[in-house]
C-alpha atoms as a PDB file:
ATOM      1  CA  UNK A   1       9.331 -12.125  23.586  1.00  0.00           C
ATOM      2  CA  UNK A   2       7.099 -13.512  20.836  1.00  0.00           C
ATOM      3  CA  UNK A   3       3.338 -13.458  20.843  1.00  0.00           C
ATOM      4  CA  UNK A   4       1.206 -15.756  18.766  1.00  0.00           C
ATOM      5  CA  UNK A   5      -2.154 -14.376  17.677  1.00  0.00           C
ATOM      6  CA  UNK A   6      -4.786 -16.417  15.867  1.00  0.00           C
ATOM      7  CA  UNK A   7      -5.812 -15.285  12.401  1.00  0.00           C
ATOM      8  CA  UNK A   8      -9.349 -14.465  13.502  1.00  0.00           C
ATOM      9  CA  UNK A   9      -8.036 -12.403  16.430  1.00  0.00           C
ATOM     10  CA  UNK A  10      -5.774 -10.424  14.082  1.00  0.00           C
ATOM     11  CA  UNK A  11      -8.744  -9.810  11.757  1.00  0.00           C
ATOM     12  CA  UNK A  12     -10.697  -8.484  14.760  1.00  0.00           C
ATOM     13  CA  UNK A  13      -7.831  -6.188  15.810  1.00  0.00           C
ATOM     14  CA  UNK A  14      -7.474  -4.862  12.257  1.00  0.00           C
ATOM     15  CA  UNK A  15     -11.218  -4.289  11.965  1.00  0.00           C
ATOM     16  CA  UNK A  16     -11.381  -2.383  15.256  1.00  0.00           C
ATOM     17  CA  UNK A  17      -8.380  -0.274  14.268  1.00  0.00           C
ATOM     18  CA  UNK A  18      -9.925   0.599  10.892  1.00  0.00           C
ATOM     19  CA  UNK A  19     -13.289   1.450  12.460  1.00  0.00           C
ATOM     20  CA  UNK A  20     -11.861   3.636  15.205  1.00  0.00           C
ATOM     21  CA  UNK A  21      -9.333   5.397  12.973  1.00  0.00           C
ATOM     22  CA  UNK A  22     -11.015   5.661   9.561  1.00  0.00           C
ATOM     23  CA  UNK A  23     -14.703   4.601   9.763  1.00  0.00           C
ATOM     24  CA  UNK A  24     -14.758   4.132   5.987  1.00  0.00           C
ATOM     25  CA  UNK A  25     -17.808   4.779   3.833  1.00  0.00           C
ATOM     26  CA  UNK A  26     -18.157   3.648   0.220  1.00  0.00           C
ATOM     27  CA  UNK A  27     -19.738   5.858  -2.437  1.00  0.00           C
ATOM     28  CA  UNK A  28     -21.003   3.882  -5.437  1.00  0.00           C
ATOM     29  CA  UNK A  29     -21.282   6.879  -7.761  1.00  0.00           C
ATOM     30  CA  UNK A  30     -17.573   7.680  -7.519  1.00  0.00           C
ATOM     31  CA  UNK A  31     -16.142   4.314  -6.437  1.00  0.00           C
ATOM     32  CA  UNK A  32     -14.439   6.007  -3.484  1.00  0.00           C
ATOM     33  CA  UNK A  33     -13.835   4.856   0.060  1.00  0.00           C
ATOM     34  CA  UNK A  34     -13.881   7.998   2.187  1.00  0.00           C
ATOM     35  CA  UNK A  35     -12.850   8.569   5.780  1.00  0.00           C
ATOM     36  CA  UNK A  36     -15.788   9.148   8.167  1.00  0.00           C
ATOM     37  CA  UNK A  37     -18.061  11.132   5.837  1.00  0.00           C
ATOM     38  CA  UNK A  38     -18.777  12.159   2.256  1.00  0.00           C
ATOM     39  CA  UNK A  39     -16.438  15.150   2.478  1.00  0.00           C
ATOM     40  CA  UNK A  40     -13.730  13.203   4.293  1.00  0.00           C
ATOM     41  CA  UNK A  41     -10.381  12.340   2.774  1.00  0.00           C
ATOM     42  CA  UNK A  42     -10.317   9.681   0.080  1.00  0.00           C
ATOM     43  CA  UNK A  43      -8.832   6.552   1.628  1.00  0.00           C
ATOM     44  CA  UNK A  44      -8.972   4.528  -1.567  1.00  0.00           C
ATOM     45  CA  UNK A  45     -10.765   3.804  -4.807  1.00  0.00           C
ATOM     46  CA  UNK A  46     -12.364   0.790  -6.406  1.00  0.00           C
ATOM     47  CA  UNK A  47     -11.443   0.297 -10.028  1.00  0.00           C
ATOM     48  CA  UNK A  48     -12.288  -2.851 -11.992  1.00  0.00           C
ATOM     49  CA  UNK A  49     -13.182  -4.596  -8.711  1.00  0.00           C
ATOM     50  CA  UNK A  50      -9.775  -3.845  -7.187  1.00  0.00           C
ATOM     51  CA  UNK A  51      -9.053  -1.607  -4.217  1.00  0.00           C
ATOM     52  CA  UNK A  52      -6.339   1.041  -4.647  1.00  0.00           C
ATOM     53  CA  UNK A  53      -5.022   3.044  -1.712  1.00  0.00           C
ATOM     54  CA  UNK A  54      -5.595   6.788  -2.010  1.00  0.00           C
ATOM     55  CA  UNK A  55      -2.111   7.640  -0.819  1.00  0.00           C
ATOM     56  CA  UNK A  56       1.039   5.776   0.045  1.00  0.00           C
ATOM     57  CA  UNK A  57       1.295   7.295   3.551  1.00  0.00           C
ATOM     58  CA  UNK A  58      -1.790   5.446   4.811  1.00  0.00           C
ATOM     59  CA  UNK A  59      -0.753   2.260   3.035  1.00  0.00           C
ATOM     60  CA  UNK A  60       2.763   2.372   4.493  1.00  0.00           C
ATOM     61  CA  UNK A  61       1.423   3.179   7.974  1.00  0.00           C
ATOM     62  CA  UNK A  62      -0.845   0.119   7.939  1.00  0.00           C
ATOM     63  CA  UNK A  63       1.907  -2.099   6.544  1.00  0.00           C
ATOM     64  CA  UNK A  64       4.310  -0.951   9.257  1.00  0.00           C
ATOM     65  CA  UNK A  65       1.786  -1.979  11.921  1.00  0.00           C
ATOM     66  CA  UNK A  66       0.359  -5.181  10.421  1.00  0.00           C
ATOM     67  CA  UNK A  67       3.231  -6.418   8.262  1.00  0.00           C
ATOM     68  CA  UNK A  68       3.160  -8.367   5.021  1.00  0.00           C
ATOM     69  CA  UNK A  69      -0.420  -9.617   5.493  1.00  0.00           C
ATOM     70  CA  UNK A  70      -1.892  -6.099   5.501  1.00  0.00           C
ATOM     71  CA  UNK A  71      -3.428  -6.466   2.044  1.00  0.00           C
ATOM     72  CA  UNK A  72      -5.157  -9.708   3.020  1.00  0.00           C
ATOM     73  CA  UNK A  73      -6.459  -8.073   6.200  1.00  0.00           C
ATOM     74  CA  UNK A  74      -7.696  -5.093   4.178  1.00  0.00           C
ATOM     75  CA  UNK A  75      -9.552  -7.276   1.669  1.00  0.00           C
ATOM     76  CA  UNK A  76     -11.216  -9.225   4.490  1.00  0.00           C
ATOM     77  CA  UNK A  77     -12.188  -5.989   6.230  1.00  0.00           C
ATOM     78  CA  UNK A  78     -13.605  -4.358   3.086  1.00  0.00           C
ATOM     79  CA  UNK A  79     -15.559  -7.467   2.075  1.00  0.00           C
ATOM     80  CA  UNK A  80     -17.065  -7.753   5.545  1.00  0.00           C
ATOM     81  CA  UNK A  81     -17.908  -4.054   5.914  1.00  0.00           C
ATOM     82  CA  UNK A  82     -19.196  -3.657   2.332  1.00  0.00           C
ATOM     83  CA  UNK A  83     -20.726  -7.036   1.382  1.00  0.00           C
ATOM     84  CA  UNK A  84     -22.556  -5.568  -1.634  1.00  0.00           C
ATOM     85  CA  UNK A  85     -19.321  -4.254  -3.176  1.00  0.00           C
ATOM     86  CA  UNK A  86     -17.504  -6.842  -5.250  1.00  0.00           C
ATOM     87  CA  UNK A  87     -13.806  -6.682  -4.376  1.00  0.00           C
ATOM     88  CA  UNK A  88     -11.418  -9.134  -6.044  1.00  0.00           C
ATOM     89  CA  UNK A  89      -8.215  -7.866  -4.489  1.00  0.00           C
ATOM     90  CA  UNK A  90      -5.929  -4.959  -3.775  1.00  0.00           C
ATOM     91  CA  UNK A  91      -4.074  -3.384  -6.650  1.00  0.00           C
ATOM     92  CA  UNK A  92      -2.126  -6.352  -8.105  1.00  0.00           C
ATOM     93  CA  UNK A  93      -2.909  -8.895  -5.350  1.00  0.00           C
ATOM     94  CA  UNK A  94      -5.853 -11.317  -5.549  1.00  0.00           C
ATOM     95  CA  UNK A  95      -7.488 -13.203  -2.691  1.00  0.00           C
ATOM     96  CA  UNK A  96     -10.064 -15.984  -2.723  1.00  0.00           C
END
């Protein structure tokens, strides 16, 4: 059976998953996105306005759940959660 989910609904699902699982915080001094608190695991880094995953396990886990649009969902999530952080894309991908 196939389900069709609107793009905005999928963004909402992704956002809720990220909040409940990771609750990311951004630290300007280091350019790090950390899980739940300052001493939490590094989820990713911002370098030259691009997000880089901290480890491939988390990246692969998200991609297995959300498929080939995971990077787009991640950029939308990060831009919404951290509006003052300029994010052009993820690693080698760019998004308007």
